[in-house]
Amino acid sequence: MNKFALKVITPQGVVIDKLVAGFYLRGSEGDLAVFAGHVPFVTSVREGKCTIVYDDSSEDTEAVAGSGMLSVSGDSVTLMTSSWKICSE
């Protein structure tokens, strides 16, 4: 599976900076899914559940993100969010 660089930034600093296979989150106009090679765009995001997919063999990470902005450009995705909390298992 192709991967891209995902960076999640909160007011406290960078909380995620990894290569991932997919990223699901809630945009201002509905749910979004981002994969490697996605067309570039910038959008606002709403508070809600996010899922990070690492690859076919590892477990996904689920979190709750606050409102913010998402930037997708080439093989780089940056989420600037007001908060980030990993969901406990």
C-alpha atoms as a PDB file:
ATOM      1  CA  MET A   1       0.000   0.000   0.000  1.00  0.00           C
ATOM      2  CA  ASN A   2       1.357   3.446  -0.900  1.00  0.00           C
ATOM      3  CA  LYS A   3       2.040   5.766   2.017  1.00  0.00           C
ATOM      4  CA  PHE A   4       2.130   9.493   2.666  1.00  0.00           C
ATOM      5  CA  ALA A   5       3.438  11.733   5.449  1.00  0.00           C
ATOM      6  CA  LEU A   6       0.804  12.671   8.040  1.00  0.00           C
ATOM      7  CA  LYS A   7       1.445  15.417  10.558  1.00  0.00           C
ATOM      8  CA  VAL A   8      -1.067  16.364  13.266  1.00  0.00           C
ATOM      9  CA  ILE A   9      -0.377  19.635  15.045  1.00  0.00           C
ATOM     10  CA  THR A  10      -2.153  20.988  18.145  1.00  0.00           C
ATOM     11  CA  PRO A  11      -1.472  24.188  20.103  1.00  0.00           C
ATOM     12  CA  GLN A  12       0.805  22.043  22.310  1.00  0.00           C
ATOM     13  CA  GLY A  13       2.922  20.914  19.330  1.00  0.00           C
ATOM     14  CA  VAL A  14       3.252  18.016  16.889  1.00  0.00           C
ATOM     15  CA  VAL A  15       1.427  14.904  18.144  1.00  0.00           C
ATOM     16  CA  ILE A  16       1.682  12.697  15.031  1.00  0.00           C
ATOM     17  CA  ASP A  17       4.450  12.711  12.415  1.00  0.00           C
ATOM     18  CA  LYS A  18       4.389   9.356  10.601  1.00  0.00           C
ATOM     19  CA  LEU A  19       4.086   7.622   7.263  1.00  0.00           C
ATOM     20  CA  VAL A  20       0.551   6.265   6.924  1.00  0.00           C
ATOM     21  CA  ALA A  21      -1.590   4.490   4.325  1.00  0.00           C
ATOM     22  CA  GLY A  22      -4.861   6.318   4.982  1.00  0.00           C
ATOM     23  CA  PHE A  23      -6.560   8.975   7.084  1.00  0.00           C
ATOM     24  CA  TYR A  24     -10.292   9.308   7.758  1.00  0.00           C
ATOM     25  CA  LEU A  25     -11.793  12.380   9.438  1.00  0.00           C
ATOM     26  CA  ARG A  26     -14.793  14.687   9.526  1.00  0.00           C
ATOM     27  CA  GLY A  27     -14.602  17.674   7.208  1.00  0.00           C
ATOM     28  CA  SER A  28     -16.823  20.727   7.475  1.00  0.00           C
ATOM     29  CA  GLU A  29     -18.994  19.397   4.629  1.00  0.00           C
ATOM     30  CA  GLY A  30     -18.907  15.693   5.533  1.00  0.00           C
ATOM     31  CA  ASP A  31     -16.609  12.739   6.108  1.00  0.00           C
ATOM     32  CA  LEU A  32     -13.254  12.598   4.278  1.00  0.00           C
ATOM     33  CA  ALA A  33     -10.821   9.847   3.341  1.00  0.00           C
ATOM     34  CA  VAL A  34      -7.270  10.688   2.252  1.00  0.00           C
ATOM     35  CA  PHE A  35      -4.868   8.251   0.591  1.00  0.00           C
ATOM     36  CA  ALA A  36      -1.482   8.577  -1.142  1.00  0.00           C
ATOM     37  CA  GLY A  37      -1.687  10.567  -4.357  1.00  0.00           C
ATOM     38  CA  HIS A  38      -4.856  12.399  -3.333  1.00  0.00           C
ATOM     39  CA  VAL A  39      -5.616  15.577  -5.249  1.00  0.00           C
ATOM     40  CA  PRO A  40      -4.383  18.656  -3.304  1.00  0.00           C
ATOM     41  CA  PHE A  41      -6.933  20.630  -1.284  1.00  0.00           C
ATOM     42  CA  VAL A  42      -7.422  22.640   1.901  1.00  0.00           C
ATOM     43  CA  THR A  43     -10.559  22.461   4.043  1.00  0.00           C
ATOM     44  CA  SER A  44     -11.828  23.140   7.509  1.00  0.00           C
ATOM     45  CA  VAL A  45     -12.585  20.151   9.732  1.00  0.00           C
ATOM     46  CA  ARG A  46     -15.126  19.650  12.486  1.00  0.00           C
ATOM     47  CA  GLU A  47     -14.630  17.987  15.827  1.00  0.00           C
ATOM     48  CA  GLY A  48     -15.013  14.236  15.532  1.00  0.00           C
ATOM     49  CA  LYS A  49     -13.504  10.780  15.273  1.00  0.00           C
ATOM     50  CA  CYS A  50     -10.415  10.219  13.107  1.00  0.00           C
ATOM     51  CA  THR A  51      -8.852   6.960  11.985  1.00  0.00           C
ATOM     52  CA  ILE A  52      -5.221   6.537  10.922  1.00  0.00           C
ATOM     53  CA  VAL A  53      -4.478   3.456   8.820  1.00  0.00           C
ATOM     54  CA  TYR A  54      -0.816   2.432   8.900  1.00  0.00           C
ATOM     55  CA  ASP A  55      -0.857  -0.528   6.488  1.00  0.00           C
ATOM     56  CA  ASP A  56      -2.564  -3.880   5.913  1.00  0.00           C
ATOM     57  CA  SER A  57      -0.797  -5.627   8.810  1.00  0.00           C
ATOM     58  CA  SER A  58      -0.859  -3.153  11.715  1.00  0.00           C
ATOM     59  CA  GLU A  59      -3.676  -1.873  13.867  1.00  0.00           C
ATOM     60  CA  ASP A  60      -5.384   1.402  13.060  1.00  0.00           C
ATOM     61  CA  THR A  61      -5.270   4.330  15.482  1.00  0.00           C
ATOM     62  CA  GLU A  62      -8.527   6.023  16.418  1.00  0.00           C
ATOM     63  CA  ALA A  63      -8.638   9.487  17.927  1.00  0.00           C
ATOM     64  CA  VAL A  64     -10.944  12.428  18.462  1.00  0.00           C
ATOM     65  CA  ALA A  65      -9.798  15.669  16.854  1.00  0.00           C
ATOM     66  CA  GLY A  66     -11.045  19.158  17.578  1.00  0.00           C
ATOM     67  CA  SER A  67     -11.960  21.659  14.902  1.00  0.00           C
ATOM     68  CA  GLY A  68      -9.213  22.908  12.618  1.00  0.00           C
ATOM     69  CA  MET A  69      -7.770  22.906   9.103  1.00  0.00           C
ATOM     70  CA  LEU A  70      -6.590  20.091   6.830  1.00  0.00           C
ATOM     71  CA  SER A  71      -4.041  20.586   4.047  1.00  0.00           C
ATOM     72  CA  VAL A  72      -3.402  17.878   1.456  1.00  0.00           C
ATOM     73  CA  SER A  73      -0.484  18.497  -0.904  1.00  0.00           C
ATOM     74  CA  GLY A  74       1.348  15.834  -2.896  1.00  0.00           C
ATOM     75  CA  ASP A  75       2.411  13.098  -0.494  1.00  0.00           C
ATOM     76  CA  SER A  76       2.032  15.289   2.591  1.00  0.00           C
ATOM     77  CA  VAL A  77      -1.050  15.799   4.762  1.00  0.00           C
ATOM     78  CA  THR A  78      -1.183  18.221   7.692  1.00  0.00           C
ATOM     79  CA  LEU A  79      -4.006  18.529  10.198  1.00  0.00           C
ATOM     80  CA  MET A  80      -3.886  21.609  12.431  1.00  0.00           C
ATOM     81  CA  THR A  81      -6.411  20.972  15.172  1.00  0.00           C
ATOM     82  CA  SER A  82      -7.469  22.538  18.450  1.00  0.00           C
ATOM     83  CA  SER A  83      -7.183  19.175  20.259  1.00  0.00           C
ATOM     84  CA  TRP A  84      -6.206  15.517  19.741  1.00  0.00           C
ATOM     85  CA  LYS A  85      -7.042  12.596  22.004  1.00  0.00           C
ATOM     86  CA  ILE A  86      -6.236   8.959  21.247  1.00  0.00           C
ATOM     87  CA  CYS A  87      -9.239   6.728  21.951  1.00  0.00           C
ATOM     88  CA  SER A  88      -8.561   4.126  24.613  1.00  0.00           C
ATOM     89  CA  GLU A  89      -9.083   0.478  23.784  1.00  0.00           C
END
